[in-house]
């Protein structure tokens, strides 16, 4: 079994997709505001409109993005409309993580692996 994709439900899908594009993701495919899929390694990350989703806005699992230059990504996310929930936390040999809420109040984390884990 493999993870095919993960998506967040949005009441304003285009606006939420713009937020994720401003944090550094690139749109791969869009079906209007029903479904917006971003380029990523491994499983796809998507934003879904209400009519396409099996969930409701802000009631989703936490999505964790692995990034390089953690502080820079967090700064871009905040500039794009995110709210800082938990600042950068050092997890020792595993890496570092920061937690934000996107403009639709979905909790997301940005994770930077420790140099030895890369």
PDB file of N, CA and C in Angstrom:
ATOM      1  N   UNK A   1       0.846  -1.177   0.000  1.00  0.00           N
ATOM      2  CA  UNK A   1       0.000   0.000   0.000  1.00  0.00           C
ATOM      3  C   UNK A   1       0.888   1.237   0.000  1.00  0.00           C
ATOM      4  N   UNK A   2       0.433   2.257  -0.696  1.00  0.00           N
ATOM      5  CA  UNK A   2       1.176   3.521  -0.704  1.00  0.00           C
ATOM      6  C   UNK A   2       0.193   4.672  -0.588  1.00  0.00           C
ATOM      7  N   UNK A   3       0.673   5.793  -0.101  1.00  0.00           N
ATOM      8  CA  UNK A   3      -0.154   6.997  -0.011  1.00  0.00           C
ATOM      9  C   UNK A   3      -0.179   7.628  -1.400  1.00  0.00           C
ATOM     10  N   UNK A   4      -1.377   7.807  -1.949  1.00  0.00           N
ATOM     11  CA  UNK A   4      -1.523   8.412  -3.271  1.00  0.00           C
ATOM     12  C   UNK A   4      -1.489   9.926  -3.180  1.00  0.00           C
ATOM     13  N   UNK A   5      -2.323  10.498  -2.315  1.00  0.00           N
ATOM     14  CA  UNK A   5      -2.325  11.941  -2.122  1.00  0.00           C
ATOM     15  C   UNK A   5      -2.966  12.290  -0.788  1.00  0.00           C
ATOM     16  N   UNK A   6      -2.693  13.495  -0.364  1.00  0.00           N
ATOM     17  CA  UNK A   6      -3.269  14.078   0.843  1.00  0.00           C
ATOM     18  C   UNK A   6      -3.870  15.402   0.408  1.00  0.00           C
ATOM     19  N   UNK A   7      -5.090  15.699   0.904  1.00  0.00           N
ATOM     20  CA  UNK A   7      -5.676  16.980   0.534  1.00  0.00           C
ATOM     21  C   UNK A   7      -6.339  17.656   1.717  1.00  0.00           C
ATOM     22  N   UNK A   8      -6.388  18.974   1.617  1.00  0.00           N
ATOM     23  CA  UNK A   8      -7.085  19.802   2.594  1.00  0.00           C
ATOM     24  C   UNK A   8      -8.346  20.340   1.938  1.00  0.00           C
ATOM     25  N   UNK A   9      -9.415  20.367   2.682  1.00  0.00           N
ATOM     26  CA  UNK A   9     -10.676  20.912   2.196  1.00  0.00           C
ATOM     27  C   UNK A   9     -10.695  22.410   2.486  1.00  0.00           C
ATOM     28  N   UNK A  10     -11.144  23.172   1.497  1.00  0.00           N
ATOM     29  CA  UNK A  10     -11.143  24.627   1.652  1.00  0.00           C
ATOM     30  C   UNK A  10     -12.473  25.223   1.226  1.00  0.00           C
ATOM     31  N   UNK A  11     -12.947  26.184   1.984  1.00  0.00           N
ATOM     32  CA  UNK A  11     -14.143  26.919   1.577  1.00  0.00           C
ATOM     33  C   UNK A  11     -13.796  27.912   0.467  1.00  0.00           C
ATOM     34  N   UNK A  12     -12.531  28.303   0.395  1.00  0.00           N
ATOM     35  CA  UNK A  12     -12.034  29.179  -0.667  1.00  0.00           C
ATOM     36  C   UNK A  12     -10.787  28.535  -1.278  1.00  0.00           C
ATOM     37  N   UNK A  13     -10.964  27.501  -2.114  1.00  0.00           N
ATOM     38  CA  UNK A  13      -9.836  26.735  -2.627  1.00  0.00           C
ATOM     39  C   UNK A  13      -8.786  27.557  -3.374  1.00  0.00           C
ATOM     40  N   UNK A  14      -9.200  28.484  -4.213  1.00  0.00           N
ATOM     41  CA  UNK A  14      -8.224  29.282  -4.966  1.00  0.00           C
ATOM     42  C   UNK A  14      -7.358  30.115  -4.035  1.00  0.00           C
ATOM     43  N   UNK A  15      -7.971  30.686  -3.032  1.00  0.00           N
ATOM     44  CA  UNK A  15      -7.223  31.502  -2.066  1.00  0.00           C
ATOM     45  C   UNK A  15      -6.238  30.631  -1.281  1.00  0.00           C
ATOM     46  N   UNK A  16      -6.674  29.440  -0.864  1.00  0.00           N
ATOM     47  CA  UNK A  16      -5.776  28.552  -0.128  1.00  0.00           C
ATOM     48  C   UNK A  16      -4.656  28.042  -1.037  1.00  0.00           C
ATOM     49  N   UNK A  17      -4.974  27.738  -2.291  1.00  0.00           N
ATOM     50  CA  UNK A  17      -3.944  27.305  -3.237  1.00  0.00           C
ATOM     51  C   UNK A  17      -2.912  28.405  -3.458  1.00  0.00           C
ATOM     52  N   UNK A  18      -3.375  29.652  -3.505  1.00  0.00           N
ATOM     53  CA  UNK A  18      -2.452  30.779  -3.654  1.00  0.00           C
ATOM     54  C   UNK A  18      -1.506  30.853  -2.448  1.00  0.00           C
ATOM     55  N   UNK A  19      -2.036  30.619  -1.243  1.00  0.00           N
ATOM     56  CA  UNK A  19      -1.190  30.596  -0.044  1.00  0.00           C
ATOM     57  C   UNK A  19      -0.087  29.557  -0.200  1.00  0.00           C
ATOM     58  N   UNK A  20      -0.440  28.331  -0.584  1.00  0.00           N
ATOM     59  CA  UNK A  20       0.573  27.283  -0.708  1.00  0.00           C
ATOM     60  C   UNK A  20       1.546  27.567  -1.844  1.00  0.00           C
ATOM     61  N   UNK A  21       1.087  28.189  -2.916  1.00  0.00           N
ATOM     62  CA  UNK A  21       1.993  28.596  -3.988  1.00  0.00           C
ATOM     63  C   UNK A  21       2.975  29.643  -3.472  1.00  0.00           C
ATOM     64  N   UNK A  22       2.505  30.554  -2.627  1.00  0.00           N
ATOM     65  CA  UNK A  22       3.382  31.579  -2.062  1.00  0.00           C
ATOM     66  C   UNK A  22       4.386  31.014  -1.069  1.00  0.00           C
ATOM     67  N   UNK A  23       4.134  29.836  -0.519  1.00  0.00           N
ATOM     68  CA  UNK A  23       5.106  29.225   0.392  1.00  0.00           C
ATOM     69  C   UNK A  23       6.157  28.428  -0.369  1.00  0.00           C
ATOM     70  N   UNK A  24       5.976  28.251  -1.688  1.00  0.00           N
ATOM     71  CA  UNK A  24       7.000  27.589  -2.485  1.00  0.00           C
ATOM     72  C   UNK A  24       6.544  26.385  -3.282  1.00  0.00           C
ATOM     73  N   UNK A  25       5.282  25.961  -3.167  1.00  0.00           N
ATOM     74  CA  UNK A  25       4.793  24.832  -3.958  1.00  0.00           C
ATOM     75  C   UNK A  25       4.363  25.317  -5.340  1.00  0.00           C
ATOM     76  N   UNK A  26       4.431  24.421  -6.321  1.00  0.00           N
ATOM     77  CA  UNK A  26       4.038  24.734  -7.689  1.00  0.00           C
ATOM     78  C   UNK A  26       2.808  23.916  -8.058  1.00  0.00           C
ATOM     79  N   UNK A  27       1.823  24.571  -8.645  1.00  0.00           N
ATOM     80  CA  UNK A  27       0.613  23.859  -9.060  1.00  0.00           C
ATOM     81  C   UNK A  27       0.935  22.960 -10.253  1.00  0.00           C
ATOM     82  N   UNK A  28       0.515  21.704 -10.143  1.00  0.00           N
ATOM     83  CA  UNK A  28       0.701  20.716 -11.211  1.00  0.00           C
ATOM     84  C   UNK A  28      -0.545  20.616 -12.072  1.00  0.00           C
ATOM     85  N   UNK A  29      -1.711  20.699 -11.441  1.00  0.00           N
ATOM     86  CA  UNK A  29      -2.986  20.501 -12.126  1.00  0.00           C
ATOM     87  C   UNK A  29      -4.085  21.208 -11.345  1.00  0.00           C
ATOM     88  N   UNK A  30      -5.033  21.782 -12.045  1.00  0.00           N
ATOM     89  CA  UNK A  30      -6.188  22.395 -11.379  1.00  0.00           C
ATOM     90  C   UNK A  30      -7.445  22.141 -12.194  1.00  0.00           C
ATOM     91  N   UNK A  31      -8.496  21.727 -11.511  1.00  0.00           N
ATOM     92  CA  UNK A  31      -9.819  21.558 -12.093  1.00  0.00           C
ATOM     93  C   UNK A  31     -10.685  22.672 -11.510  1.00  0.00           C
ATOM     94  N   UNK A  32     -10.451  23.879 -11.984  1.00  0.00           N
ATOM     95  CA  UNK A  32     -11.129  25.034 -11.407  1.00  0.00           C
ATOM     96  C   UNK A  32     -10.815  25.112  -9.925  1.00  0.00           C
ATOM     97  N   UNK A  33     -11.855  25.276  -9.108  1.00  0.00           N
ATOM     98  CA  UNK A  33     -11.664  25.302  -7.655  1.00  0.00           C
ATOM     99  C   UNK A  33     -12.097  23.991  -7.017  1.00  0.00           C
ATOM    100  N   UNK A  34     -12.418  22.988  -7.838  1.00  0.00           N
ATOM    101  CA  UNK A  34     -12.809  21.679  -7.290  1.00  0.00           C
ATOM    102  C   UNK A  34     -11.599  20.928  -6.740  1.00  0.00           C
ATOM    103  N   UNK A  35     -10.462  21.008  -7.448  1.00  0.00           N
ATOM    104  CA  UNK A  35      -9.298  20.209  -7.088  1.00  0.00           C
ATOM    105  C   UNK A  35      -8.050  20.893  -7.618  1.00  0.00           C
ATOM    106  N   UNK A  36      -7.096  21.169  -6.757  1.00  0.00           N
ATOM    107  CA  UNK A  36      -5.835  21.796  -7.150  1.00  0.00           C
ATOM    108  C   UNK A  36      -4.713  20.934  -6.596  1.00  0.00           C
ATOM    109  N   UNK A  37      -3.901  20.394  -7.473  1.00  0.00           N
ATOM    110  CA  UNK A  37      -2.822  19.492  -7.063  1.00  0.00           C
ATOM    111  C   UNK A  37      -1.477  20.167  -7.291  1.00  0.00           C
ATOM    112  N   UNK A  38      -0.598  20.025  -6.305  1.00  0.00           N
ATOM    113  CA  UNK A  38       0.733  20.621  -6.369  1.00  0.00           C
ATOM    114  C   UNK A  38       1.786  19.578  -6.720  1.00  0.00           C
ATOM    115  N   UNK A  39       2.887  20.032  -7.284  1.00  0.00           N
ATOM    116  CA  UNK A  39       4.028  19.148  -7.546  1.00  0.00           C
ATOM    117  C   UNK A  39       4.698  18.841  -6.213  1.00  0.00           C
ATOM    118  N   UNK A  40       5.036  17.572  -6.013  1.00  0.00           N
ATOM    119  CA  UNK A  40       5.746  17.177  -4.804  1.00  0.00           C
ATOM    120  C   UNK A  40       6.405  15.830  -5.050  1.00  0.00           C
ATOM    121  N   UNK A  41       7.340  15.498  -4.199  1.00  0.00           N
ATOM    122  CA  UNK A  41       7.962  14.182  -4.264  1.00  0.00           C
ATOM    123  C   UNK A  41       7.079  13.210  -3.498  1.00  0.00           C
ATOM    124  N   UNK A  42       6.931  12.011  -3.990  1.00  0.00           N
ATOM    125  CA  UNK A  42       6.107  11.021  -3.299  1.00  0.00           C
ATOM    126  C   UNK A  42       4.637  11.315  -3.487  1.00  0.00           C
ATOM    127  N   UNK A  43       3.870  11.221  -2.416  1.00  0.00           N
ATOM    128  CA  UNK A  43       2.423  11.441  -2.475  1.00  0.00           C
ATOM    129  C   UNK A  43       2.114  12.876  -2.877  1.00  0.00           C
ATOM    130  N   UNK A  44       1.019  13.058  -3.594  1.00  0.00           N
ATOM    131  CA  UNK A  44       0.602  14.393  -4.022  1.00  0.00           C
ATOM    132  C   UNK A  44      -0.041  15.148  -2.866  1.00  0.00           C
ATOM    133  N   UNK A  45       0.128  16.468  -2.859  1.00  0.00           N
ATOM    134  CA  UNK A  45      -0.545  17.347  -1.917  1.00  0.00           C
ATOM    135  C   UNK A  45      -1.537  18.179  -2.722  1.00  0.00           C
ATOM    136  N   UNK A  46      -2.794  18.252  -2.241  1.00  0.00           N
ATOM    137  CA  UNK A  46      -3.856  18.909  -2.993  1.00  0.00           C
ATOM    138  C   UNK A  46      -4.735  19.757  -2.095  1.00  0.00           C
ATOM    139  N   UNK A  47      -5.457  20.679  -2.721  1.00  0.00           N
ATOM    140  CA  UNK A  47      -6.499  21.460  -2.075  1.00  0.00           C
ATOM    141  C   UNK A  47      -7.802  21.111  -2.785  1.00  0.00           C
ATOM    142  N   UNK A  48      -8.816  20.826  -1.997  1.00  0.00           N
ATOM    143  CA  UNK A  48     -10.108  20.432  -2.553  1.00  0.00           C
ATOM    144  C   UNK A  48     -11.183  21.439  -2.197  1.00  0.00           C
ATOM    145  N   UNK A  49     -12.085  21.665  -3.146  1.00  0.00           N
ATOM    146  CA  UNK A  49     -13.268  22.462  -2.860  1.00  0.00           C
ATOM    147  C   UNK A  49     -14.283  21.610  -2.117  1.00  0.00           C
ATOM    148  N   UNK A  50     -15.279  22.253  -1.566  1.00  0.00           N
ATOM    149  CA  UNK A  50     -16.286  21.571  -0.745  1.00  0.00           C
ATOM    150  C   UNK A  50     -16.996  20.446  -1.498  1.00  0.00           C
ATOM    151  N   UNK A  51     -17.322  20.656  -2.764  1.00  0.00           N
ATOM    152  CA  UNK A  51     -18.081  19.661  -3.510  1.00  0.00           C
ATOM    153  C   UNK A  51     -17.281  18.404  -3.846  1.00  0.00           C
ATOM    154  N   UNK A  52     -15.982  18.487  -3.804  1.00  0.00           N
ATOM    155  CA  UNK A  52     -15.123  17.362  -4.160  1.00  0.00           C
ATOM    156  C   UNK A  52     -14.635  16.597  -2.928  1.00  0.00           C
ATOM    157  N   UNK A  53     -14.759  17.166  -1.756  1.00  0.00           N
ATOM    158  CA  UNK A  53     -14.132  16.650  -0.540  1.00  0.00           C
ATOM    159  C   UNK A  53     -14.999  15.652   0.225  1.00  0.00           C
ATOM    160  N   UNK A  54     -14.312  14.798   0.972  1.00  0.00           N
ATOM    161  CA  UNK A  54     -14.976  13.877   1.895  1.00  0.00           C
ATOM    162  C   UNK A  54     -14.897  14.409   3.318  1.00  0.00           C
ATOM    163  N   UNK A  55     -14.431  15.640   3.495  1.00  0.00           N
ATOM    164  CA  UNK A  55     -14.255  16.238   4.817  1.00  0.00           C
ATOM    165  C   UNK A  55     -14.815  17.657   4.812  1.00  0.00           C
ATOM    166  N   UNK A  56     -14.611  18.359   5.905  1.00  0.00           N
ATOM    167  CA  UNK A  56     -15.012  19.755   6.001  1.00  0.00           C
ATOM    168  C   UNK A  56     -13.771  20.609   6.272  1.00  0.00           C
ATOM    169  N   UNK A  57     -13.821  21.908   5.967  1.00  0.00           N
ATOM    170  CA  UNK A  57     -12.652  22.754   6.210  1.00  0.00           C
ATOM    171  C   UNK A  57     -12.190  22.710   7.665  1.00  0.00           C
ATOM    172  N   UNK A  58     -10.888  22.753   7.842  1.00  0.00           N
ATOM    173  CA  UNK A  58     -10.236  22.839   9.153  1.00  0.00           C
ATOM    174  C   UNK A  58     -10.485  21.636  10.046  1.00  0.00           C
ATOM    175  N   UNK A  59     -10.871  20.517   9.489  1.00  0.00           N
ATOM    176  CA  UNK A  59     -11.075  19.289  10.268  1.00  0.00           C
ATOM    177  C   UNK A  59     -10.221  18.173   9.680  1.00  0.00           C
ATOM    178  N   UNK A  60      -9.049  18.532   9.249  1.00  0.00           N
ATOM    179  CA  UNK A  60      -8.171  17.606   8.545  1.00  0.00           C
ATOM    180  C   UNK A  60      -7.002  17.166   9.419  1.00  0.00           C
ATOM    181  N   UNK A  61      -6.291  16.182   8.935  1.00  0.00           N
ATOM    182  CA  UNK A  61      -5.064  15.743   9.585  1.00  0.00           C
ATOM    183  C   UNK A  61      -3.996  16.827   9.438  1.00  0.00           C
ATOM    184  N   UNK A  62      -2.953  16.749  10.214  1.00  0.00           N
ATOM    185  CA  UNK A  62      -1.840  17.689  10.101  1.00  0.00           C
ATOM    186  C   UNK A  62      -0.951  17.250   8.942  1.00  0.00           C
ATOM    187  N   UNK A  63      -0.661  18.162   8.041  1.00  0.00           N
ATOM    188  CA  UNK A  63       0.233  17.894   6.922  1.00  0.00           C
ATOM    189  C   UNK A  63       1.612  18.391   7.318  1.00  0.00           C
ATOM    190  N   UNK A  64       2.625  17.565   7.088  1.00  0.00           N
ATOM    191  CA  UNK A  64       4.004  17.930   7.405  1.00  0.00           C
ATOM    192  C   UNK A  64       4.787  17.993   6.097  1.00  0.00           C
ATOM    193  N   UNK A  65       5.365  19.154   5.817  1.00  0.00           N
ATOM    194  CA  UNK A  65       6.186  19.353   4.634  1.00  0.00           C
ATOM    195  C   UNK A  65       7.653  19.305   5.040  1.00  0.00           C
ATOM    196  N   UNK A  66       8.448  18.483   4.369  1.00  0.00           N
ATOM    197  CA  UNK A  66       9.887  18.491   4.614  1.00  0.00           C
ATOM    198  C   UNK A  66      10.493  19.578   3.745  1.00  0.00           C
ATOM    199  N   UNK A  67      11.268  20.456   4.366  1.00  0.00           N
ATOM    200  CA  UNK A  67      11.821  21.620   3.680  1.00  0.00           C
ATOM    201  C   UNK A  67      13.297  21.766   3.995  1.00  0.00           C
ATOM    202  N   UNK A  68      13.949  22.612   3.219  1.00  0.00           N
ATOM    203  CA  UNK A  68      15.292  23.074   3.541  1.00  0.00           C
ATOM    204  C   UNK A  68      15.150  24.537   3.930  1.00  0.00           C
ATOM    205  N   UNK A  69      16.021  25.041   4.745  1.00  0.00           N
ATOM    206  CA  UNK A  69      15.981  26.440   5.192  1.00  0.00           C
ATOM    207  C   UNK A  69      14.648  26.751   5.882  1.00  0.00           C
ATOM    208  N   UNK A  70      14.420  26.091   6.990  1.00  0.00           N
ATOM    209  CA  UNK A  70      13.172  26.150   7.735  1.00  0.00           C
ATOM    210  C   UNK A  70      12.704  27.570   8.023  1.00  0.00           C
ATOM    211  N   UNK A  71      13.578  28.402   8.553  1.00  0.00           N
ATOM    212  CA  UNK A  71      13.173  29.765   8.914  1.00  0.00           C
ATOM    213  C   UNK A  71      12.667  30.540   7.700  1.00  0.00           C
ATOM    214  N   UNK A  72      13.313  30.359   6.566  1.00  0.00           N
ATOM    215  CA  UNK A  72      12.906  31.047   5.344  1.00  0.00           C
ATOM    216  C   UNK A  72      11.505  30.616   4.909  1.00  0.00           C
ATOM    217  N   UNK A  73      11.210  29.325   4.986  1.00  0.00           N
ATOM    218  CA  UNK A  73       9.883  28.822   4.613  1.00  0.00           C
ATOM    219  C   UNK A  73       8.823  29.347   5.582  1.00  0.00           C
ATOM    220  N   UNK A  74       9.125  29.344   6.870  1.00  0.00           N
ATOM    221  CA  UNK A  74       8.176  29.857   7.863  1.00  0.00           C
ATOM    222  C   UNK A  74       7.910  31.343   7.604  1.00  0.00           C
ATOM    223  N   UNK A  75       8.948  32.120   7.312  1.00  0.00           N
ATOM    224  CA  UNK A  75       8.773  33.546   7.023  1.00  0.00           C
ATOM    225  C   UNK A  75       7.891  33.751   5.798  1.00  0.00           C
ATOM    226  N   UNK A  76       8.099  32.947   4.732  1.00  0.00           N
ATOM    227  CA  UNK A  76       7.268  33.056   3.528  1.00  0.00           C
ATOM    228  C   UNK A  76       5.817  32.706   3.836  1.00  0.00           C
ATOM    229  N   UNK A  77       5.616  31.670   4.645  1.00  0.00           N
ATOM    230  CA  UNK A  77       4.254  31.250   4.997  1.00  0.00           C
ATOM    231  C   UNK A  77       3.529  32.359   5.768  1.00  0.00           C
ATOM    232  N   UNK A  78       4.215  32.971   6.719  1.00  0.00           N
ATOM    233  CA  UNK A  78       3.606  34.053   7.497  1.00  0.00           C
ATOM    234  C   UNK A  78       3.309  35.244   6.598  1.00  0.00           C
ATOM    235  N   UNK A  79       4.226  35.570   5.701  1.00  0.00           N
ATOM    236  CA  UNK A  79       3.997  36.675   4.766  1.00  0.00           C
ATOM    237  C   UNK A  79       2.811  36.381   3.843  1.00  0.00           C
ATOM    238  N   UNK A  80       2.561  35.089   3.579  1.00  0.00           N
ATOM    239  CA  UNK A  80       1.455  34.696   2.699  1.00  0.00           C
ATOM    240  C   UNK A  80       0.131  34.566   3.445  1.00  0.00           C
ATOM    241  N   UNK A  81       0.147  34.745   4.785  1.00  0.00           N
ATOM    242  CA  UNK A  81      -1.100  34.724   5.538  1.00  0.00           C
ATOM    243  C   UNK A  81      -1.209  33.672   6.625  1.00  0.00           C
ATOM    244  N   UNK A  82      -0.154  32.908   6.865  1.00  0.00           N
ATOM    245  CA  UNK A  82      -0.179  31.907   7.939  1.00  0.00           C
ATOM    246  C   UNK A  82      -0.056  32.584   9.299  1.00  0.00           C
ATOM    247  N   UNK A  83      -0.487  31.865  10.324  1.00  0.00           N
ATOM    248  CA  UNK A  83      -0.335  32.307  11.699  1.00  0.00           C
ATOM    249  C   UNK A  83       0.601  31.337  12.401  1.00  0.00           C
ATOM    250  N   UNK A  84       1.618  31.847  13.051  1.00  0.00           N
ATOM    251  CA  UNK A  84       2.551  30.998  13.775  1.00  0.00           C
ATOM    252  C   UNK A  84       1.866  30.395  14.991  1.00  0.00           C
ATOM    253  N   UNK A  85       1.904  29.071  15.106  1.00  0.00           N
ATOM    254  CA  UNK A  85       1.321  28.364  16.247  1.00  0.00           C
ATOM    255  C   UNK A  85       2.414  27.976  17.228  1.00  0.00           C
ATOM    256  N   UNK A  86       3.501  27.418  16.710  1.00  0.00           N
ATOM    257  CA  UNK A  86       4.637  27.027  17.548  1.00  0.00           C
ATOM    258  C   UNK A  86       5.915  27.349  16.784  1.00  0.00           C
ATOM    259  N   UNK A  87       6.816  28.116  17.391  1.00  0.00           N
ATOM    260  CA  UNK A  87       8.050  28.490  16.708  1.00  0.00           C
ATOM    261  C   UNK A  87       8.943  27.277  16.476  1.00  0.00           C
ATOM    262  N   UNK A  88      10.044  27.513  15.791  1.00  0.00           N
ATOM    263  CA  UNK A  88      10.996  26.441  15.484  1.00  0.00           C
ATOM    264  C   UNK A  88      11.395  25.731  16.761  1.00  0.00           C
ATOM    265  N   UNK A  89      11.285  24.407  16.717  1.00  0.00           N
ATOM    266  CA  UNK A  89      11.671  23.565  17.854  1.00  0.00           C
ATOM    267  C   UNK A  89      12.746  22.606  17.393  1.00  0.00           C
ATOM    268  N   UNK A  90      13.849  22.569  18.119  1.00  0.00           N
ATOM    269  CA  UNK A  90      14.957  21.670  17.809  1.00  0.00           C
ATOM    270  C   UNK A  90      14.657  20.297  18.394  1.00  0.00           C
ATOM    271  N   UNK A  91      14.692  19.278  17.543  1.00  0.00           N
ATOM    272  CA  UNK A  91      14.429  17.907  17.976  1.00  0.00           C
ATOM    273  C   UNK A  91      15.716  17.083  17.977  1.00  0.00           C
ATOM    274  N   UNK A  92      16.831  17.758  18.230  1.00  0.00           N
ATOM    275  CA  UNK A  92      18.112  17.074  18.324  1.00  0.00           C
ATOM    276  C   UNK A  92      18.543  16.482  16.999  1.00  0.00           C
ATOM    277  N   UNK A  93      18.995  15.231  17.023  1.00  0.00           N
ATOM    278  CA  UNK A  93      19.516  14.562  15.838  1.00  0.00           C
ATOM    279  C   UNK A  93      18.480  14.284  14.769  1.00  0.00           C
ATOM    280  N   UNK A  94      17.211  14.447  15.082  1.00  0.00           N
ATOM    281  CA  UNK A  94      16.152  14.193  14.104  1.00  0.00           C
ATOM    282  C   UNK A  94      15.957  15.388  13.174  1.00  0.00           C
ATOM    283  N   UNK A  95      15.973  16.600  13.724  1.00  0.00           N
ATOM    284  CA  UNK A  95      15.789  17.790  12.912  1.00  0.00           C
ATOM    285  C   UNK A  95      15.092  18.887  13.679  1.00  0.00           C
ATOM    286  N   UNK A  96      14.436  19.785  12.938  1.00  0.00           N
ATOM    287  CA  UNK A  96      13.724  20.907  13.545  1.00  0.00           C
ATOM    288  C   UNK A  96      12.349  21.027  12.902  1.00  0.00           C
ATOM    289  N   UNK A  97      11.389  21.557  13.648  1.00  0.00           N
ATOM    290  CA  UNK A  97      10.022  21.677  13.155  1.00  0.00           C
ATOM    291  C   UNK A  97       9.405  22.987  13.628  1.00  0.00           C
ATOM    292  N   UNK A  98       8.511  23.549  12.805  1.00  0.00           N
ATOM    293  CA  UNK A  98       7.713  24.717  13.187  1.00  0.00           C
ATOM    294  C   UNK A  98       6.274  24.431  12.765  1.00  0.00           C
ATOM    295  N   UNK A  99       5.343  25.018  13.479  1.00  0.00           N
ATOM    296  CA  UNK A  99       3.929  24.758  13.229  1.00  0.00           C
ATOM    297  C   UNK A  99       3.196  26.061  12.968  1.00  0.00           C
ATOM    298  N   UNK A 100       2.383  26.079  11.902  1.00  0.00           N
ATOM    299  CA  UNK A 100       1.586  27.252  11.548  1.00  0.00           C
ATOM    300  C   UNK A 100       0.158  26.817  11.229  1.00  0.00           C
ATOM    301  N   UNK A 101      -0.740  27.787  11.192  1.00  0.00           N
ATOM    302  CA  UNK A 101      -2.090  27.589  10.668  1.00  0.00           C
ATOM    303  C   UNK A 101      -2.149  28.312   9.337  1.00  0.00           C
ATOM    304  N   UNK A 102      -2.650  27.634   8.309  1.00  0.00           N
ATOM    305  CA  UNK A 102      -2.822  28.288   7.019  1.00  0.00           C
ATOM    306  C   UNK A 102      -4.041  29.216   7.081  1.00  0.00           C
ATOM    307  N   UNK A 103      -4.329  29.956   6.021  1.00  0.00           N
ATOM    308  CA  UNK A 103      -5.445  30.900   6.072  1.00  0.00           C
ATOM    309  C   UNK A 103      -6.826  30.278   6.312  1.00  0.00           C
ATOM    310  N   UNK A 104      -6.966  28.953   6.158  1.00  0.00           N
ATOM    311  CA  UNK A 104      -8.249  28.280   6.423  1.00  0.00           C
ATOM    312  C   UNK A 104      -8.219  27.569   7.770  1.00  0.00           C
ATOM    313  N   UNK A 105      -7.223  27.886   8.595  1.00  0.00           N
ATOM    314  CA  UNK A 105      -7.053  27.334   9.948  1.00  0.00           C
ATOM    315  C   UNK A 105      -6.648  25.864   9.995  1.00  0.00           C
ATOM    316  N   UNK A 106      -6.095  25.336   8.886  1.00  0.00           N
ATOM    317  CA  UNK A 106      -5.520  23.996   8.914  1.00  0.00           C
ATOM    318  C   UNK A 106      -4.151  24.083   9.569  1.00  0.00           C
ATOM    319  N   UNK A 107      -3.872  23.192  10.506  1.00  0.00           N
ATOM    320  CA  UNK A 107      -2.559  23.155  11.146  1.00  0.00           C
ATOM    321  C   UNK A 107      -1.607  22.406  10.218  1.00  0.00           C
ATOM    322  N   UNK A 108      -0.482  23.032   9.909  1.00  0.00           N
ATOM    323  CA  UNK A 108       0.549  22.384   9.106  1.00  0.00           C
ATOM    324  C   UNK A 108       1.887  22.556   9.811  1.00  0.00           C
ATOM    325  N   UNK A 109       2.803  21.661   9.497  1.00  0.00           N
ATOM    326  CA  UNK A 109       4.151  21.748  10.054  1.00  0.00           C
ATOM    327  C   UNK A 109       5.159  21.759   8.921  1.00  0.00           C
ATOM    328  N   UNK A 110       6.238  22.478   9.154  1.00  0.00           N
ATOM    329  CA  UNK A 110       7.391  22.462   8.262  1.00  0.00           C
ATOM    330  C   UNK A 110       8.518  21.793   9.032  1.00  0.00           C
ATOM    331  N   UNK A 111       9.120  20.779   8.435  1.00  0.00           N
ATOM    332  CA  UNK A 111      10.158  19.979   9.080  1.00  0.00           C
ATOM    333  C   UNK A 111      11.432  20.065   8.271  1.00  0.00           C
ATOM    334  N   UNK A 112      12.542  20.320   8.962  1.00  0.00           N
ATOM    335  CA  UNK A 112      13.863  20.320   8.338  1.00  0.00           C
ATOM    336  C   UNK A 112      14.667  19.203   8.996  1.00  0.00           C
ATOM    337  N   UNK A 113      15.059  18.198   8.211  1.00  0.00           N
ATOM    338  CA  UNK A 113      15.818  17.071   8.738  1.00  0.00           C
ATOM    339  C   UNK A 113      17.206  17.532   9.184  1.00  0.00           C
ATOM    340  N   UNK A 114      17.729  16.854  10.214  1.00  0.00           N
ATOM    341  CA  UNK A 114      19.100  17.122  10.655  1.00  0.00           C
ATOM    342  C   UNK A 114      20.038  16.753   9.514  1.00  0.00           C
ATOM    343  N   UNK A 115      21.157  17.385   9.452  1.00  0.00           N
ATOM    344  CA  UNK A 115      22.126  17.171   8.353  1.00  0.00           C
ATOM    345  C   UNK A 115      22.441  15.685   8.165  1.00  0.00           C
ATOM    346  N   UNK A 116      22.603  14.922   9.237  1.00  0.00           N
ATOM    347  CA  UNK A 116      22.938  13.502   9.141  1.00  0.00           C
ATOM    348  C   UNK A 116      21.797  12.690   8.538  1.00  0.00           C
ATOM    349  N   UNK A 117      20.529  13.158   8.674  1.00  0.00           N
ATOM    350  CA  UNK A 117      19.354  12.429   8.153  1.00  0.00           C
ATOM    351  C   UNK A 117      19.137  12.652   6.662  1.00  0.00           C
ATOM    352  N   UNK A 118      19.779  13.633   6.085  1.00  0.00           N
ATOM    353  CA  UNK A 118      19.533  13.965   4.665  1.00  0.00           C
ATOM    354  C   UNK A 118      20.234  13.037   3.740  1.00  0.00           C
TER     355      UNK A 118
END
